[in-house]
């Protein structure tokens, strides 16, 4: 990466890891092989993000809609999640990675929830990078749960409707305390957010790349960061260069 790119590293990168199944299909392999290869890409992405100085990396691991996939594929994905946590938690902890899990935790399988809680608790004091795992996550569901929480407080007299603000809503979301993403990347060539961080993505830079997730390498990630560094984020304002010309 150039020095310019190194000086413009996003604090929070979120990735929609898409294309595991298609990666396997074009190679005549079972979809499960694509998911397994995708786990390797996760490991490399976490290492690359930490080395680049990114503060938060959010990975869309399993959406609330993914339960509708074939039972065999869901079972395989759950197995991969368990394997990843059991095998990688020690190394992530040693590398000072903090793990945070977002998504609906109600009615999660009894063999999954304790692992997620253990990963969060064991790494909660780590400071190198926060790895946010979006599991059983859907942004509309997240916002609905936040609204129910606020409505309950209004009904109980703990809040007045006039108190409801964007900051209050943000504080009730699963991502409370996590800065909004600066950059959202989606792999596989699809160009949509698919119910991912809809509230938090209000001013995020969006980047859609053609590579399937298993092909997302360190070089791919660094190229995305370099492209991000070349963008000018205005947050609804006027470009600095325009102001300079008009002054």
C-alpha atoms as a PDB file:
ATOM      1  CA  UNK A   1       0.000   0.000   0.000  1.00  0.00           C
ATOM      2  CA  UNK A   2       1.115   3.561  -0.643  1.00  0.00           C
ATOM      3  CA  UNK A   3       1.843   5.980   2.192  1.00  0.00           C
ATOM      4  CA  UNK A   4      -1.354   7.857   1.229  1.00  0.00           C
ATOM      5  CA  UNK A   5      -3.361   4.676   1.692  1.00  0.00           C
ATOM      6  CA  UNK A   6      -1.674   3.879   4.988  1.00  0.00           C
ATOM      7  CA  UNK A   7      -2.696   7.315   6.286  1.00  0.00           C
ATOM      8  CA  UNK A   8      -6.362   6.722   5.419  1.00  0.00           C
ATOM      9  CA  UNK A   9      -7.110   3.381   7.009  1.00  0.00           C
ATOM     10  CA  UNK A  10     -10.803   2.946   7.901  1.00  0.00           C
ATOM     11  CA  UNK A  11     -11.466   2.412  11.579  1.00  0.00           C
ATOM     12  CA  UNK A  12     -14.284  -0.066  10.889  1.00  0.00           C
ATOM     13  CA  UNK A  13     -14.580  -2.392   7.913  1.00  0.00           C
ATOM     14  CA  UNK A  14     -17.616  -4.657   7.510  1.00  0.00           C
ATOM     15  CA  UNK A  15     -17.677  -7.508   5.009  1.00  0.00           C
ATOM     16  CA  UNK A  16     -20.542  -9.472   3.478  1.00  0.00           C
ATOM     17  CA  UNK A  17     -18.749 -12.749   2.808  1.00  0.00           C
ATOM     18  CA  UNK A  18     -20.642 -13.928  -0.259  1.00  0.00           C
ATOM     19  CA  UNK A  19     -19.946 -16.630  -2.823  1.00  0.00           C
ATOM     20  CA  UNK A  20     -18.787 -19.729  -0.941  1.00  0.00           C
ATOM     21  CA  UNK A  21     -21.348 -21.938  -2.646  1.00  0.00           C
ATOM     22  CA  UNK A  22     -20.724 -20.549  -6.124  1.00  0.00           C
ATOM     23  CA  UNK A  23     -16.965 -20.887  -5.616  1.00  0.00           C
ATOM     24  CA  UNK A  24     -17.538 -24.601  -5.007  1.00  0.00           C
ATOM     25  CA  UNK A  25     -20.064 -24.996  -7.823  1.00  0.00           C
ATOM     26  CA  UNK A  26     -17.759 -23.653 -10.529  1.00  0.00           C
ATOM     27  CA  UNK A  27     -15.156 -26.174  -9.386  1.00  0.00           C
ATOM     28  CA  UNK A  28     -17.580 -29.084  -9.285  1.00  0.00           C
ATOM     29  CA  UNK A  29     -17.200 -29.362  -5.508  1.00  0.00           C
ATOM     30  CA  UNK A  30     -19.811 -29.711  -2.741  1.00  0.00           C
ATOM     31  CA  UNK A  31     -20.979 -26.398  -1.287  1.00  0.00           C
ATOM     32  CA  UNK A  32     -19.517 -27.501   2.037  1.00  0.00           C
ATOM     33  CA  UNK A  33     -16.043 -27.261   0.515  1.00  0.00           C
ATOM     34  CA  UNK A  34     -16.701 -23.639  -0.352  1.00  0.00           C
ATOM     35  CA  UNK A  35     -17.643 -22.890   3.239  1.00  0.00           C
ATOM     36  CA  UNK A  36     -14.499 -24.603   4.490  1.00  0.00           C
ATOM     37  CA  UNK A  37     -12.348 -22.607   2.100  1.00  0.00           C
ATOM     38  CA  UNK A  38     -14.210 -19.509   3.251  1.00  0.00           C
ATOM     39  CA  UNK A  39     -13.051 -20.097   6.841  1.00  0.00           C
ATOM     40  CA  UNK A  40      -9.457 -19.874   5.628  1.00  0.00           C
ATOM     41  CA  UNK A  41     -10.287 -16.517   4.048  1.00  0.00           C
ATOM     42  CA  UNK A  42     -11.713 -15.364   7.394  1.00  0.00           C
ATOM     43  CA  UNK A  43      -8.431 -16.126   9.134  1.00  0.00           C
ATOM     44  CA  UNK A  44      -6.446 -14.190   6.543  1.00  0.00           C
ATOM     45  CA  UNK A  45      -8.861 -11.241   6.632  1.00  0.00           C
ATOM     46  CA  UNK A  46      -8.550 -10.936  10.413  1.00  0.00           C
ATOM     47  CA  UNK A  47      -4.750 -11.020  10.230  1.00  0.00           C
ATOM     48  CA  UNK A  48      -4.683  -8.460   7.419  1.00  0.00           C
ATOM     49  CA  UNK A  49      -7.084  -6.119   9.213  1.00  0.00           C
ATOM     50  CA  UNK A  50      -5.050  -6.240  12.423  1.00  0.00           C
ATOM     51  CA  UNK A  51      -1.778  -5.614  10.593  1.00  0.00           C
ATOM     52  CA  UNK A  52      -3.306  -2.698   8.667  1.00  0.00           C
ATOM     53  CA  UNK A  53      -4.408  -0.987  11.876  1.00  0.00           C
ATOM     54  CA  UNK A  54      -8.156  -1.416  11.419  1.00  0.00           C
ATOM     55  CA  UNK A  55      -9.939  -1.076  14.755  1.00  0.00           C
ATOM     56  CA  UNK A  56     -13.087  -3.072  13.999  1.00  0.00           C
ATOM     57  CA  UNK A  57     -13.762  -5.840  11.491  1.00  0.00           C
ATOM     58  CA  UNK A  58     -17.357  -7.034  11.184  1.00  0.00           C
ATOM     59  CA  UNK A  59     -18.053 -10.262   9.297  1.00  0.00           C
ATOM     60  CA  UNK A  60     -21.559 -11.306   8.210  1.00  0.00           C
ATOM     61  CA  UNK A  61     -21.237 -14.938   9.228  1.00  0.00           C
ATOM     62  CA  UNK A  62     -24.847 -16.150   9.299  1.00  0.00           C
ATOM     63  CA  UNK A  63     -28.009 -14.177   8.633  1.00  0.00           C
ATOM     64  CA  UNK A  64     -31.399 -14.722  10.245  1.00  0.00           C
ATOM     65  CA  UNK A  65     -32.606 -15.695   6.758  1.00  0.00           C
ATOM     66  CA  UNK A  66     -29.948 -18.395   6.333  1.00  0.00           C
ATOM     67  CA  UNK A  67     -31.992 -20.837   8.447  1.00  0.00           C
ATOM     68  CA  UNK A  68     -34.117 -21.396   5.323  1.00  0.00           C
ATOM     69  CA  UNK A  69     -31.200 -23.091   3.563  1.00  0.00           C
ATOM     70  CA  UNK A  70     -31.143 -26.905   3.285  1.00  0.00           C
ATOM     71  CA  UNK A  71     -30.789 -28.540   6.684  1.00  0.00           C
ATOM     72  CA  UNK A  72     -27.559 -30.263   5.676  1.00  0.00           C
ATOM     73  CA  UNK A  73     -25.950 -26.946   4.714  1.00  0.00           C
ATOM     74  CA  UNK A  74     -27.098 -25.232   7.923  1.00  0.00           C
ATOM     75  CA  UNK A  75     -25.715 -28.140   9.942  1.00  0.00           C
ATOM     76  CA  UNK A  76     -22.400 -27.874   8.129  1.00  0.00           C
ATOM     77  CA  UNK A  77     -22.232 -24.127   8.743  1.00  0.00           C
ATOM     78  CA  UNK A  78     -22.926 -24.623  12.444  1.00  0.00           C
ATOM     79  CA  UNK A  79     -20.196 -27.227  12.578  1.00  0.00           C
ATOM     80  CA  UNK A  80     -17.742 -24.855  10.925  1.00  0.00           C
ATOM     81  CA  UNK A  81     -18.623 -22.101  13.395  1.00  0.00           C
ATOM     82  CA  UNK A  82     -18.009 -24.417  16.327  1.00  0.00           C
ATOM     83  CA  UNK A  83     -14.747 -25.621  14.837  1.00  0.00           C
ATOM     84  CA  UNK A  84     -13.583 -22.072  14.149  1.00  0.00           C
ATOM     85  CA  UNK A  85     -14.228 -20.956  17.730  1.00  0.00           C
ATOM     86  CA  UNK A  86     -12.675 -24.060  19.289  1.00  0.00           C
ATOM     87  CA  UNK A  87      -9.587 -24.033  17.083  1.00  0.00           C
ATOM     88  CA  UNK A  88      -9.021 -20.297  16.656  1.00  0.00           C
ATOM     89  CA  UNK A  89     -10.093 -18.806  19.985  1.00  0.00           C
ATOM     90  CA  UNK A  90      -6.722 -19.476  21.629  1.00  0.00           C
ATOM     91  CA  UNK A  91      -4.759 -17.866  18.794  1.00  0.00           C
ATOM     92  CA  UNK A  92      -7.154 -14.905  18.530  1.00  0.00           C
ATOM     93  CA  UNK A  93      -6.836 -14.361  22.268  1.00  0.00           C
ATOM     94  CA  UNK A  94      -3.033 -14.520  22.084  1.00  0.00           C
ATOM     95  CA  UNK A  95      -3.114 -11.963  19.265  1.00  0.00           C
ATOM     96  CA  UNK A  96      -5.113  -9.599  21.504  1.00  0.00           C
ATOM     97  CA  UNK A  97      -8.273  -9.826  19.358  1.00  0.00           C
ATOM     98  CA  UNK A  98     -11.533  -8.944  21.063  1.00  0.00           C
ATOM     99  CA  UNK A  99     -14.606 -10.840  19.850  1.00  0.00           C
ATOM    100  CA  UNK A 100     -18.065  -9.320  19.845  1.00  0.00           C
ATOM    101  CA  UNK A 101     -21.159 -11.131  18.565  1.00  0.00           C
ATOM    102  CA  UNK A 102     -24.204  -9.304  17.194  1.00  0.00           C
ATOM    103  CA  UNK A 103     -27.552 -10.808  16.267  1.00  0.00           C
ATOM    104  CA  UNK A 104     -30.608 -12.310  17.939  1.00  0.00           C
ATOM    105  CA  UNK A 105     -29.522 -14.696  20.690  1.00  0.00           C
ATOM    106  CA  UNK A 106     -32.977 -15.937  21.627  1.00  0.00           C
ATOM    107  CA  UNK A 107     -33.618 -19.601  20.857  1.00  0.00           C
ATOM    108  CA  UNK A 108     -30.067 -20.250  19.658  1.00  0.00           C
ATOM    109  CA  UNK A 109     -28.984 -23.878  19.799  1.00  0.00           C
ATOM    110  CA  UNK A 110     -27.590 -24.972  23.159  1.00  0.00           C
ATOM    111  CA  UNK A 111     -24.332 -26.077  21.534  1.00  0.00           C
ATOM    112  CA  UNK A 112     -23.792 -22.683  19.874  1.00  0.00           C
ATOM    113  CA  UNK A 113     -24.729 -19.970  22.389  1.00  0.00           C
ATOM    114  CA  UNK A 114     -22.260 -21.032  25.129  1.00  0.00           C
ATOM    115  CA  UNK A 115     -19.404 -20.957  22.614  1.00  0.00           C
ATOM    116  CA  UNK A 116     -20.308 -17.442  21.501  1.00  0.00           C
ATOM    117  CA  UNK A 117     -20.567 -16.250  25.095  1.00  0.00           C
ATOM    118  CA  UNK A 118     -17.235 -17.877  25.976  1.00  0.00           C
ATOM    119  CA  UNK A 119     -15.515 -16.181  23.027  1.00  0.00           C
ATOM    120  CA  UNK A 120     -16.835 -12.786  24.090  1.00  0.00           C
ATOM    121  CA  UNK A 121     -16.046 -13.190  27.776  1.00  0.00           C
ATOM    122  CA  UNK A 122     -12.566 -14.597  27.292  1.00  0.00           C
ATOM    123  CA  UNK A 123     -11.469 -11.815  24.928  1.00  0.00           C
ATOM    124  CA  UNK A 124     -13.399  -8.858  26.312  1.00  0.00           C
ATOM    125  CA  UNK A 125     -10.313  -7.054  27.654  1.00  0.00           C
ATOM    126  CA  UNK A 126      -8.275  -7.434  24.451  1.00  0.00           C
ATOM    127  CA  UNK A 127      -7.382  -4.245  22.629  1.00  0.00           C
ATOM    128  CA  UNK A 128      -5.641  -4.943  19.288  1.00  0.00           C
ATOM    129  CA  UNK A 129      -8.741  -5.236  17.072  1.00  0.00           C
ATOM    130  CA  UNK A 130     -12.407  -6.020  17.659  1.00  0.00           C
ATOM    131  CA  UNK A 131     -13.728  -8.863  15.519  1.00  0.00           C
ATOM    132  CA  UNK A 132     -17.501  -8.484  15.304  1.00  0.00           C
ATOM    133  CA  UNK A 133     -19.281 -11.657  14.225  1.00  0.00           C
ATOM    134  CA  UNK A 134     -22.793 -11.091  12.881  1.00  0.00           C
ATOM    135  CA  UNK A 135     -24.527 -14.376  13.661  1.00  0.00           C
ATOM    136  CA  UNK A 136     -28.272 -15.004  13.346  1.00  0.00           C
ATOM    137  CA  UNK A 137     -28.279 -11.358  12.359  1.00  0.00           C
ATOM    138  CA  UNK A 138     -30.748  -9.354  10.321  1.00  0.00           C
ATOM    139  CA  UNK A 139     -30.758  -5.565  10.367  1.00  0.00           C
ATOM    140  CA  UNK A 140     -34.539  -5.152  10.212  1.00  0.00           C
ATOM    141  CA  UNK A 141     -34.928  -7.551  13.128  1.00  0.00           C
ATOM    142  CA  UNK A 142     -32.226  -5.666  15.039  1.00  0.00           C
ATOM    143  CA  UNK A 143     -34.015  -2.349  14.503  1.00  0.00           C
ATOM    144  CA  UNK A 144     -37.376  -3.877  15.458  1.00  0.00           C
ATOM    145  CA  UNK A 145     -35.906  -5.216  18.699  1.00  0.00           C
ATOM    146  CA  UNK A 146     -34.473  -1.785  19.464  1.00  0.00           C
ATOM    147  CA  UNK A 147     -37.857  -0.151  18.806  1.00  0.00           C
ATOM    148  CA  UNK A 148     -39.598  -2.618  21.123  1.00  0.00           C
ATOM    149  CA  UNK A 149     -37.081  -1.799  23.842  1.00  0.00           C
ATOM    150  CA  UNK A 150     -37.630   1.936  23.464  1.00  0.00           C
ATOM    151  CA  UNK A 151     -41.410   1.564  23.246  1.00  0.00           C
ATOM    152  CA  UNK A 152     -41.356  -0.449  26.464  1.00  0.00           C
ATOM    153  CA  UNK A 153     -39.473   2.318  28.249  1.00  0.00           C
ATOM    154  CA  UNK A 154     -41.884   4.945  26.915  1.00  0.00           C
ATOM    155  CA  UNK A 155     -44.863   2.872  28.088  1.00  0.00           C
ATOM    156  CA  UNK A 156     -43.262   2.506  31.520  1.00  0.00           C
ATOM    157  CA  UNK A 157     -42.721   6.246  31.790  1.00  0.00           C
ATOM    158  CA  UNK A 158     -38.936   5.907  31.684  1.00  0.00           C
ATOM    159  CA  UNK A 159     -38.696   7.810  28.414  1.00  0.00           C
ATOM    160  CA  UNK A 160     -40.689  10.563  26.755  1.00  0.00           C
ATOM    161  CA  UNK A 161     -41.308  10.248  23.004  1.00  0.00           C
ATOM    162  CA  UNK A 162     -39.377  13.490  22.554  1.00  0.00           C
ATOM    163  CA  UNK A 163     -36.321  11.736  23.992  1.00  0.00           C
ATOM    164  CA  UNK A 164     -36.137   9.336  21.056  1.00  0.00           C
ATOM    165  CA  UNK A 165     -33.192  10.402  18.914  1.00  0.00           C
ATOM    166  CA  UNK A 166     -30.803   8.780  16.430  1.00  0.00           C
ATOM    167  CA  UNK A 167     -28.238   8.462  19.225  1.00  0.00           C
ATOM    168  CA  UNK A 168     -30.750   6.713  21.483  1.00  0.00           C
ATOM    169  CA  UNK A 169     -31.698   4.294  18.724  1.00  0.00           C
ATOM    170  CA  UNK A 170     -28.031   3.550  18.024  1.00  0.00           C
ATOM    171  CA  UNK A 171     -27.509   2.824  21.712  1.00  0.00           C
ATOM    172  CA  UNK A 172     -30.262   0.174  21.624  1.00  0.00           C
ATOM    173  CA  UNK A 173     -28.897  -1.668  18.589  1.00  0.00           C
ATOM    174  CA  UNK A 174     -26.733  -4.775  18.812  1.00  0.00           C
ATOM    175  CA  UNK A 175     -23.785  -2.617  17.737  1.00  0.00           C
ATOM    176  CA  UNK A 176     -24.034  -0.233  20.708  1.00  0.00           C
ATOM    177  CA  UNK A 177     -20.567   1.053  21.497  1.00  0.00           C
ATOM    178  CA  UNK A 178     -19.205   0.048  18.082  1.00  0.00           C
ATOM    179  CA  UNK A 179     -18.527   2.882  15.612  1.00  0.00           C
ATOM    180  CA  UNK A 180     -20.465   2.839  12.360  1.00  0.00           C
ATOM    181  CA  UNK A 181     -18.627   1.142   9.495  1.00  0.00           C
ATOM    182  CA  UNK A 182     -16.475   3.358   7.306  1.00  0.00           C
ATOM    183  CA  UNK A 183     -16.291   0.758   4.545  1.00  0.00           C
ATOM    184  CA  UNK A 184     -18.617  -2.121   3.639  1.00  0.00           C
ATOM    185  CA  UNK A 185     -17.269  -4.707   1.215  1.00  0.00           C
ATOM    186  CA  UNK A 186     -19.348  -7.360  -0.506  1.00  0.00           C
ATOM    187  CA  UNK A 187     -17.724 -10.159  -2.441  1.00  0.00           C
ATOM    188  CA  UNK A 188     -19.025 -12.243  -5.385  1.00  0.00           C
ATOM    189  CA  UNK A 189     -20.169  -9.331  -7.544  1.00  0.00           C
ATOM    190  CA  UNK A 190     -23.600  -8.898  -5.943  1.00  0.00           C
ATOM    191  CA  UNK A 191     -24.431  -5.239  -5.296  1.00  0.00           C
ATOM    192  CA  UNK A 192     -26.820  -5.071  -2.367  1.00  0.00           C
ATOM    193  CA  UNK A 193     -26.624  -4.960   1.440  1.00  0.00           C
ATOM    194  CA  UNK A 194     -28.967  -7.904   2.043  1.00  0.00           C
ATOM    195  CA  UNK A 195     -30.312  -6.694   5.393  1.00  0.00           C
ATOM    196  CA  UNK A 196     -26.839  -6.003   6.812  1.00  0.00           C
ATOM    197  CA  UNK A 197     -26.148  -2.991   9.054  1.00  0.00           C
ATOM    198  CA  UNK A 198     -28.824  -0.893   7.353  1.00  0.00           C
ATOM    199  CA  UNK A 199     -28.946   1.755  10.091  1.00  0.00           C
ATOM    200  CA  UNK A 200     -25.197   1.799  10.634  1.00  0.00           C
ATOM    201  CA  UNK A 201     -24.395   2.000   6.907  1.00  0.00           C
ATOM    202  CA  UNK A 202     -25.912   5.472   6.467  1.00  0.00           C
ATOM    203  CA  UNK A 203     -22.586   7.057   5.461  1.00  0.00           C
ATOM    204  CA  UNK A 204     -20.432   4.012   4.809  1.00  0.00           C
ATOM    205  CA  UNK A 205     -18.436   3.720   1.626  1.00  0.00           C
ATOM    206  CA  UNK A 206     -19.670   0.696  -0.336  1.00  0.00           C
ATOM    207  CA  UNK A 207     -17.404  -1.542  -2.360  1.00  0.00           C
ATOM    208  CA  UNK A 208     -18.544  -4.505  -4.454  1.00  0.00           C
ATOM    209  CA  UNK A 209     -15.841  -6.803  -5.773  1.00  0.00           C
ATOM    210  CA  UNK A 210     -16.214  -9.742  -8.170  1.00  0.00           C
ATOM    211  CA  UNK A 211     -14.127 -12.271  -6.220  1.00  0.00           C
ATOM    212  CA  UNK A 212     -15.944 -15.044  -4.415  1.00  0.00           C
ATOM    213  CA  UNK A 213     -15.242 -14.972  -0.688  1.00  0.00           C
ATOM    214  CA  UNK A 214     -12.845 -17.975  -0.685  1.00  0.00           C
ATOM    215  CA  UNK A 215     -10.684 -16.013  -3.165  1.00  0.00           C
ATOM    216  CA  UNK A 216     -10.560 -12.932  -0.915  1.00  0.00           C
ATOM    217  CA  UNK A 217      -6.841 -12.717  -0.203  1.00  0.00           C
ATOM    218  CA  UNK A 218      -4.585 -10.325   1.654  1.00  0.00           C
ATOM    219  CA  UNK A 219      -3.824  -8.635  -1.669  1.00  0.00           C
ATOM    220  CA  UNK A 220      -7.549  -8.226  -2.393  1.00  0.00           C
ATOM    221  CA  UNK A 221      -8.115  -6.667   1.020  1.00  0.00           C
ATOM    222  CA  UNK A 222      -5.178  -4.281   0.702  1.00  0.00           C
ATOM    223  CA  UNK A 223      -6.360  -3.226  -2.758  1.00  0.00           C
ATOM    224  CA  UNK A 224      -9.800  -2.447  -1.310  1.00  0.00           C
ATOM    225  CA  UNK A 225      -8.208  -0.357   1.444  1.00  0.00           C
ATOM    226  CA  UNK A 226      -6.141   1.529  -1.125  1.00  0.00           C
ATOM    227  CA  UNK A 227      -9.283   2.241  -3.164  1.00  0.00           C
ATOM    228  CA  UNK A 228     -11.053   3.453  -0.023  1.00  0.00           C
ATOM    229  CA  UNK A 229      -8.163   5.821   0.722  1.00  0.00           C
ATOM    230  CA  UNK A 230      -8.750   7.500  -2.625  1.00  0.00           C
ATOM    231  CA  UNK A 231     -12.362   8.350  -1.859  1.00  0.00           C
ATOM    232  CA  UNK A 232     -13.524  11.600  -0.280  1.00  0.00           C
ATOM    233  CA  UNK A 233     -16.112  11.140   2.443  1.00  0.00           C
ATOM    234  CA  UNK A 234     -18.384  14.168   2.782  1.00  0.00           C
ATOM    235  CA  UNK A 235     -21.156  12.962   5.118  1.00  0.00           C
ATOM    236  CA  UNK A 236     -23.664  15.124   3.269  1.00  0.00           C
ATOM    237  CA  UNK A 237     -21.398  18.183   3.202  1.00  0.00           C
ATOM    238  CA  UNK A 238     -19.526  20.008   0.452  1.00  0.00           C
ATOM    239  CA  UNK A 239     -16.131  18.704  -0.731  1.00  0.00           C
ATOM    240  CA  UNK A 240     -13.202  20.506   0.873  1.00  0.00           C
ATOM    241  CA  UNK A 241     -11.781  21.347  -2.560  1.00  0.00           C
ATOM    242  CA  UNK A 242     -15.049  23.035  -3.559  1.00  0.00           C
ATOM    243  CA  UNK A 243     -15.005  25.147  -0.413  1.00  0.00           C
ATOM    244  CA  UNK A 244     -11.414  26.168  -1.114  1.00  0.00           C
ATOM    245  CA  UNK A 245     -12.262  27.257  -4.654  1.00  0.00           C
ATOM    246  CA  UNK A 246     -15.258  29.262  -3.507  1.00  0.00           C
ATOM    247  CA  UNK A 247     -13.500  30.943  -0.585  1.00  0.00           C
END
